[in-house]
Every structure is written in C-alpha cells, then in structure tokens.
Amino acid sequence: MKSTPKVIDSNILNRKSHFSFSQNPVEEEHLLLLFEAARFAPSSFNAQPWRYIYARKNDADYPKLLNLLAESNKVWASSAPILILSFAQVFDLKNNRANRFAFHDLGLSTANLLAQATSLGLATHPMGGYDVERAKEVFRIPEGFEPGAMIALGYPGDSSTLAEDLQKRNNAPRMRKELSETVFKGSWKAE
C-alpha cells in the first residue's frame, strides 16, 4: 500500500506538535468549537467517555495543570495560553461495566479537537509527560476515570525564543512511518 498524502485533509496533514506559543489569547468561540468537535467523535455504544479540564493562563487553576507536567515539558508548555487535561471513563460505576474502548474513544475525540484547532490556525501539543496520579488527586477525579493526555494550546509562537534543541524539534518536518510498517493485509507482518 502506497502513501497518498496529497489527498489527505489538510487539517490532518498539517497538524503537528508545537513547542512555541504566542501570547495572543484564544477566542472563547474558538475554544467552544474545539470542544464541540471533540463532542462529535464516534464512541463505542455512544458512551462518549471523554472529559476535559482546561484553564487559561490567567485562571487560578492554570498552575495546577502546569505543575503536573514533567520539567522537560514545563519549560516550553508554560508559554501556552491554555492547558487541557483529558480523561477517559474506563469504568461505568452505575452499570458496573468496564469500557475497554474508553481510551480509543478519547483518542478519537482528541483527534477531532486537534484537527479543529489546526483548521482555526491554532497550535497544539499533546503530552504524556505529567504526573498522572497527582492529576487524579489535584482535580479529585471520580472513580472510574483515568487521565489521558495533557494538551498545550494557543496560536503558534516564535520558535527563535526556544532553546536550540527545542527549536530543532519545533522546526523539524513531521515524520511518519511508511504504511507498509503499520498496515498489514490479512495477517501480521513480521518485523
């Protein structure tokens, strides 16, 4: 199977993880569009197991999110005007049932959010480098929910303000494995 990137939707093709953010505020209507896009993701049994907590830089809760990050992420993510933490409902207490597709569905929801952000000219950077257990404590997350990714969000910034290693990463072309490495017809391909 050959890659055909020239026909992929530009919001998917052009999305990348940014390390620098402008201090221009993200409009409330843009933020609402992002969460609406996330809301319309498909989910197993229409469970819609995703939840998001966000804070703007001037909000009292912003430092709570920022301080969960690993130092290597905090260095650059602290410039993002908005931080978002995602969650998946992995167990439904009311129906006493696990949802083994919860993180899959959260990923679909987040992908919608990221594609919508790209369409609005916003920069995003999903991260796994944060303290998951502390996140549950700090935000008093109810039983049955697990944190997913943290997302830095804002308008793209000037990458020349970043440390040299982050500048290189920020300006590097977006690389992906070939389809032949990730898509197999009929059976698993040995590596």
C-alpha atoms as a PDB file:
ATOM      1  CA  MET A   1       0.000   0.000   0.000  1.00  0.00           C
ATOM      2  CA  LYS A   2       1.479   3.334  -1.059  1.00  0.00           C
ATOM      3  CA  SER A   3       1.080   6.584   0.901  1.00  0.00           C
ATOM      4  CA  THR A   4      -1.002   9.263  -0.832  1.00  0.00           C
ATOM      5  CA  PRO A   5      -0.592  12.398   1.330  1.00  0.00           C
ATOM      6  CA  LYS A   6      -1.730  14.748  -1.445  1.00  0.00           C
ATOM      7  CA  VAL A   7      -5.358  13.676  -0.898  1.00  0.00           C
ATOM      8  CA  ILE A   8      -5.376  13.749   2.923  1.00  0.00           C
ATOM      9  CA  ASP A   9      -7.389  16.540   4.528  1.00  0.00           C
ATOM     10  CA  SER A  10      -5.043  19.480   5.139  1.00  0.00           C
ATOM     11  CA  ASN A  11      -6.088  19.740   8.807  1.00  0.00           C
ATOM     12  CA  ILE A  12      -4.798  16.227   9.373  1.00  0.00           C
ATOM     13  CA  LEU A  13      -1.725  16.595   7.180  1.00  0.00           C
ATOM     14  CA  ASN A  14      -0.673  19.971   8.651  1.00  0.00           C
ATOM     15  CA  ARG A  15      -1.257  19.195  12.328  1.00  0.00           C
ATOM     16  CA  LYS A  16       1.959  18.992  14.303  1.00  0.00           C
ATOM     17  CA  SER A  17       3.099  19.352  17.883  1.00  0.00           C
ATOM     18  CA  HIS A  18       4.327  22.886  18.530  1.00  0.00           C
ATOM     19  CA  PHE A  19       6.793  23.935  21.222  1.00  0.00           C
ATOM     20  CA  SER A  20       6.298  27.702  20.996  1.00  0.00           C
ATOM     21  CA  PHE A  21       3.116  29.665  21.553  1.00  0.00           C
ATOM     22  CA  SER A  22       2.170  33.282  21.025  1.00  0.00           C
ATOM     23  CA  GLN A  23       0.609  35.120  23.945  1.00  0.00           C
ATOM     24  CA  ASN A  24      -2.398  36.080  21.807  1.00  0.00           C
ATOM     25  CA  PRO A  25      -5.476  34.809  23.649  1.00  0.00           C
ATOM     26  CA  VAL A  26      -7.559  32.043  22.119  1.00  0.00           C
ATOM     27  CA  GLU A  27     -11.033  33.367  21.427  1.00  0.00           C
ATOM     28  CA  GLU A  28     -13.812  31.836  23.515  1.00  0.00           C
ATOM     29  CA  GLU A  29     -15.760  30.912  20.363  1.00  0.00           C
ATOM     30  CA  HIS A  30     -12.689  29.049  19.025  1.00  0.00           C
ATOM     31  CA  LEU A  31     -12.340  27.131  22.285  1.00  0.00           C
ATOM     32  CA  LEU A  32     -16.027  26.225  22.139  1.00  0.00           C
ATOM     33  CA  LEU A  33     -15.585  24.952  18.557  1.00  0.00           C
ATOM     34  CA  LEU A  34     -12.714  22.706  19.697  1.00  0.00           C
ATOM     35  CA  PHE A  35     -14.812  21.085  22.405  1.00  0.00           C
ATOM     36  CA  GLU A  36     -17.803  20.798  20.048  1.00  0.00           C
ATOM     37  CA  ALA A  37     -15.574  18.988  17.538  1.00  0.00           C
ATOM     38  CA  ALA A  38     -14.394  16.688  20.346  1.00  0.00           C
ATOM     39  CA  ARG A  39     -18.004  16.074  21.382  1.00  0.00           C
ATOM     40  CA  PHE A  40     -18.963  14.794  17.929  1.00  0.00           C
ATOM     41  CA  ALA A  41     -16.393  11.984  17.877  1.00  0.00           C
ATOM     42  CA  PRO A  42     -17.639   8.441  17.459  1.00  0.00           C
ATOM     43  CA  SER A  43     -17.624   6.173  20.507  1.00  0.00           C
ATOM     44  CA  SER A  44     -18.376   2.563  21.308  1.00  0.00           C
ATOM     45  CA  PHE A  45     -22.057   2.184  22.273  1.00  0.00           C
ATOM     46  CA  ASN A  46     -22.203   6.013  22.108  1.00  0.00           C
ATOM     47  CA  ALA A  47     -20.729   6.069  25.640  1.00  0.00           C
ATOM     48  CA  GLN A  48     -18.869   9.339  24.972  1.00  0.00           C
ATOM     49  CA  PRO A  49     -16.339   8.501  27.728  1.00  0.00           C
ATOM     50  CA  TRP A  50     -14.204  11.619  27.254  1.00  0.00           C
ATOM     51  CA  ARG A  51     -13.918  14.501  29.693  1.00  0.00           C
ATOM     52  CA  TYR A  52     -11.687  17.575  29.561  1.00  0.00           C
ATOM     53  CA  ILE A  53     -10.491  20.036  32.190  1.00  0.00           C
ATOM     54  CA  TYR A  54      -8.930  23.235  30.869  1.00  0.00           C
ATOM     55  CA  ALA A  55      -7.569  26.501  32.192  1.00  0.00           C
ATOM     56  CA  ARG A  56      -6.422  29.747  30.639  1.00  0.00           C
ATOM     57  CA  LYS A  57      -3.092  31.199  31.682  1.00  0.00           C
ATOM     58  CA  ASN A  58      -4.732  33.878  33.855  1.00  0.00           C
ATOM     59  CA  ASP A  59      -7.039  31.364  35.612  1.00  0.00           C
ATOM     60  CA  ALA A  60      -6.339  30.234  39.173  1.00  0.00           C
ATOM     61  CA  ASP A  61      -6.334  26.585  38.025  1.00  0.00           C
ATOM     62  CA  TYR A  62      -3.671  27.041  35.307  1.00  0.00           C
ATOM     63  CA  PRO A  63      -0.758  26.482  37.756  1.00  0.00           C
ATOM     64  CA  LYS A  64      -2.421  23.260  38.923  1.00  0.00           C
ATOM     65  CA  LEU A  65      -2.219  21.881  35.394  1.00  0.00           C
ATOM     66  CA  LEU A  66       1.219  23.339  34.693  1.00  0.00           C
ATOM     67  CA  ASN A  67       2.715  21.924  37.887  1.00  0.00           C
ATOM     68  CA  LEU A  68       1.667  18.397  36.921  1.00  0.00           C
ATOM     69  CA  LEU A  69       3.999  18.490  33.918  1.00  0.00           C
ATOM     70  CA  ALA A  70       7.433  16.908  33.798  1.00  0.00           C
ATOM     71  CA  GLU A  71      10.125  19.612  33.928  1.00  0.00           C
ATOM     72  CA  SER A  72      11.106  18.933  30.298  1.00  0.00           C
ATOM     73  CA  ASN A  73       7.533  19.797  29.222  1.00  0.00           C
ATOM     74  CA  LYS A  74       7.010  22.600  31.715  1.00  0.00           C
ATOM     75  CA  VAL A  75       9.926  24.556  30.157  1.00  0.00           C
ATOM     76  CA  TRP A  76       8.080  25.181  26.899  1.00  0.00           C
ATOM     77  CA  ALA A  77       4.418  24.437  27.784  1.00  0.00           C
ATOM     78  CA  SER A  78       4.371  27.301  30.286  1.00  0.00           C
ATOM     79  CA  SER A  79       4.075  29.660  27.315  1.00  0.00           C
ATOM     80  CA  ALA A  80       0.814  28.072  26.150  1.00  0.00           C
ATOM     81  CA  PRO A  81      -2.208  30.291  26.838  1.00  0.00           C
ATOM     82  CA  ILE A  82      -4.375  27.216  27.537  1.00  0.00           C
ATOM     83  CA  LEU A  83      -3.674  23.823  29.067  1.00  0.00           C
ATOM     84  CA  ILE A  84      -6.138  20.952  28.720  1.00  0.00           C
ATOM     85  CA  LEU A  85      -6.156  17.613  30.539  1.00  0.00           C
ATOM     86  CA  SER A  86      -8.182  14.790  29.030  1.00  0.00           C
ATOM     87  CA  PHE A  87      -9.819  11.858  30.814  1.00  0.00           C
ATOM     88  CA  ALA A  88     -11.432   8.581  29.825  1.00  0.00           C
ATOM     89  CA  GLN A  89     -14.253   6.897  31.705  1.00  0.00           C
ATOM     90  CA  VAL A  90     -12.770   3.410  31.838  1.00  0.00           C
ATOM     91  CA  PHE A  91     -15.379   2.021  34.238  1.00  0.00           C
ATOM     92  CA  ASP A  92     -19.063   2.883  34.472  1.00  0.00           C
ATOM     93  CA  LEU A  93     -19.944   2.522  38.171  1.00  0.00           C
ATOM     94  CA  LYS A  94     -23.659   2.959  37.511  1.00  0.00           C
ATOM     95  CA  ASN A  95     -23.775  -0.037  35.162  1.00  0.00           C
ATOM     96  CA  ASN A  96     -20.852  -1.887  36.817  1.00  0.00           C
ATOM     97  CA  ARG A  97     -19.116  -2.253  33.467  1.00  0.00           C
ATOM     98  CA  ALA A  98     -15.582  -1.660  32.186  1.00  0.00           C
ATOM     99  CA  ASN A  99     -15.162   0.167  28.882  1.00  0.00           C
ATOM    100  CA  ARG A 100     -12.159  -1.336  27.150  1.00  0.00           C
ATOM    101  CA  PHE A 101     -12.584   1.160  24.297  1.00  0.00           C
ATOM    102  CA  ALA A 102     -12.522   4.257  26.527  1.00  0.00           C
ATOM    103  CA  PHE A 103      -9.003   5.388  25.617  1.00  0.00           C
ATOM    104  CA  HIS A 104      -9.649   4.605  21.958  1.00  0.00           C
ATOM    105  CA  ASP A 105     -12.737   6.817  22.075  1.00  0.00           C
ATOM    106  CA  LEU A 106     -10.874   9.539  23.989  1.00  0.00           C
ATOM    107  CA  GLY A 107      -8.247   9.431  21.241  1.00  0.00           C
ATOM    108  CA  LEU A 108     -10.907   9.898  18.582  1.00  0.00           C
ATOM    109  CA  SER A 109     -12.368  12.830  20.485  1.00  0.00           C
ATOM    110  CA  THR A 110      -8.950  14.407  20.967  1.00  0.00           C
ATOM    111  CA  ALA A 111      -8.083  13.882  17.287  1.00  0.00           C
ATOM    112  CA  ASN A 112     -11.228  15.834  16.380  1.00  0.00           C
ATOM    113  CA  LEU A 113     -10.169  18.594  18.780  1.00  0.00           C
ATOM    114  CA  LEU A 114      -6.663  18.739  17.272  1.00  0.00           C
ATOM    115  CA  ALA A 115      -7.930  18.777  13.673  1.00  0.00           C
ATOM    116  CA  GLN A 116     -10.390  21.551  14.520  1.00  0.00           C
ATOM    117  CA  ALA A 117      -7.585  23.522  16.197  1.00  0.00           C
ATOM    118  CA  THR A 118      -5.454  23.187  13.057  1.00  0.00           C
ATOM    119  CA  SER A 119      -8.348  24.446  10.921  1.00  0.00           C
ATOM    120  CA  LEU A 120      -8.531  27.557  13.137  1.00  0.00           C
ATOM    121  CA  GLY A 121      -4.790  28.262  12.871  1.00  0.00           C
ATOM    122  CA  LEU A 122      -4.136  27.141  16.450  1.00  0.00           C
ATOM    123  CA  ALA A 123      -1.062  25.277  17.658  1.00  0.00           C
ATOM    124  CA  THR A 124      -1.371  22.206  19.862  1.00  0.00           C
ATOM    125  CA  HIS A 125       0.937  19.764  21.584  1.00  0.00           C
ATOM    126  CA  PRO A 126      -0.444  16.637  23.282  1.00  0.00           C
ATOM    127  CA  MET A 127       1.788  15.318  26.082  1.00  0.00           C
ATOM    128  CA  GLY A 128       2.072  12.217  28.201  1.00  0.00           C
ATOM    129  CA  GLY A 129       4.850  13.641  30.385  1.00  0.00           C
ATOM    130  CA  TYR A 130       2.978  14.591  33.539  1.00  0.00           C
ATOM    131  CA  ASP A 131       2.166  13.100  36.946  1.00  0.00           C
ATOM    132  CA  VAL A 132      -0.968  11.009  36.352  1.00  0.00           C
ATOM    133  CA  GLU A 133      -1.535  10.033  39.983  1.00  0.00           C
ATOM    134  CA  ARG A 134      -1.151  13.608  41.202  1.00  0.00           C
ATOM    135  CA  ALA A 135      -3.573  14.775  38.497  1.00  0.00           C
ATOM    136  CA  LYS A 136      -6.220  12.467  39.963  1.00  0.00           C
ATOM    137  CA  GLU A 137      -5.590  13.896  43.439  1.00  0.00           C
ATOM    138  CA  VAL A 138      -5.341  17.572  42.485  1.00  0.00           C
ATOM    139  CA  PHE A 139      -8.558  17.529  40.459  1.00  0.00           C
ATOM    140  CA  ARG A 140     -10.373  14.989  42.682  1.00  0.00           C
ATOM    141  CA  ILE A 141     -11.141  12.751  39.716  1.00  0.00           C
ATOM    142  CA  PRO A 142     -14.018  10.388  40.424  1.00  0.00           C
ATOM    143  CA  GLU A 143     -13.545   6.631  40.486  1.00  0.00           C
ATOM    144  CA  GLY A 144     -13.847   5.055  37.059  1.00  0.00           C
ATOM    145  CA  PHE A 145     -11.984   7.836  35.233  1.00  0.00           C
ATOM    146  CA  GLU A 146      -8.330   7.846  34.164  1.00  0.00           C
ATOM    147  CA  PRO A 147      -6.241  10.754  32.833  1.00  0.00           C
ATOM    148  CA  GLY A 148      -5.286  10.696  29.159  1.00  0.00           C
ATOM    149  CA  ALA A 149      -3.062  13.317  27.553  1.00  0.00           C
ATOM    150  CA  MET A 150      -2.346  16.904  28.561  1.00  0.00           C
ATOM    151  CA  ILE A 151      -2.589  19.374  25.661  1.00  0.00           C
ATOM    152  CA  ALA A 152      -0.884  22.751  25.307  1.00  0.00           C
ATOM    153  CA  LEU A 153      -2.950  25.088  23.118  1.00  0.00           C
ATOM    154  CA  GLY A 154      -2.563  28.537  21.634  1.00  0.00           C
ATOM    155  CA  TYR A 155      -1.521  30.351  18.497  1.00  0.00           C
ATOM    156  CA  PRO A 156       1.895  29.440  17.052  1.00  0.00           C
ATOM    157  CA  GLY A 157       4.740  31.435  18.574  1.00  0.00           C
ATOM    158  CA  ASP A 158       8.231  32.493  17.589  1.00  0.00           C
ATOM    159  CA  SER A 159      10.411  29.380  17.791  1.00  0.00           C
ATOM    160  CA  SER A 160      13.579  31.520  17.995  1.00  0.00           C
ATOM    161  CA  THR A 161      12.729  32.120  21.659  1.00  0.00           C
ATOM    162  CA  LEU A 162      13.146  28.394  22.391  1.00  0.00           C
ATOM    163  CA  ALA A 163      16.333  26.640  23.458  1.00  0.00           C
ATOM    164  CA  GLU A 164      18.293  25.320  20.477  1.00  0.00           C
ATOM    165  CA  ASP A 165      17.218  21.669  20.921  1.00  0.00           C
ATOM    166  CA  LEU A 166      13.544  22.675  21.100  1.00  0.00           C
ATOM    167  CA  GLN A 167      13.932  24.955  18.061  1.00  0.00           C
ATOM    168  CA  LYS A 168      15.199  21.985  16.066  1.00  0.00           C
ATOM    169  CA  ARG A 169      12.315  19.806  17.221  1.00  0.00           C
ATOM    170  CA  ASN A 170       9.749  22.563  16.613  1.00  0.00           C
ATOM    171  CA  ASN A 171      11.014  23.258  13.083  1.00  0.00           C
ATOM    172  CA  ALA A 172      11.684  19.653  12.047  1.00  0.00           C
ATOM    173  CA  PRO A 173       9.494  18.174   9.330  1.00  0.00           C
ATOM    174  CA  ARG A 174       6.742  15.908  10.583  1.00  0.00           C
ATOM    175  CA  MET A 175       7.853  12.321  10.068  1.00  0.00           C
ATOM    176  CA  ARG A 176       5.650   9.240   9.936  1.00  0.00           C
ATOM    177  CA  LYS A 177       6.358   5.563   9.377  1.00  0.00           C
ATOM    178  CA  GLU A 178       5.549   4.140   5.968  1.00  0.00           C
ATOM    179  CA  LEU A 179       2.169   2.420   5.650  1.00  0.00           C
ATOM    180  CA  SER A 180       3.994  -0.835   4.949  1.00  0.00           C
ATOM    181  CA  GLU A 181       5.282  -0.694   8.541  1.00  0.00           C
ATOM    182  CA  THR A 182       1.867  -0.148  10.133  1.00  0.00           C
ATOM    183  CA  VAL A 183      -0.824  -1.643   7.871  1.00  0.00           C
ATOM    184  CA  PHE A 184      -0.905  -5.379   7.065  1.00  0.00           C
ATOM    185  CA  LYS A 185      -3.324  -7.174   4.775  1.00  0.00           C
ATOM    186  CA  GLY A 186      -4.687 -10.452   6.126  1.00  0.00           C
ATOM    187  CA  SER A 187      -2.112 -11.198   8.824  1.00  0.00           C
ATOM    188  CA  TRP A 188       0.590  -9.591  10.957  1.00  0.00           C
ATOM    189  CA  LYS A 189       3.788  -8.835   9.079  1.00  0.00           C
ATOM    190  CA  ALA A 190       6.963  -9.938  10.871  1.00  0.00           C
ATOM    191  CA  GLU A 191       9.360  -7.090  11.589  1.00  0.00           C
END
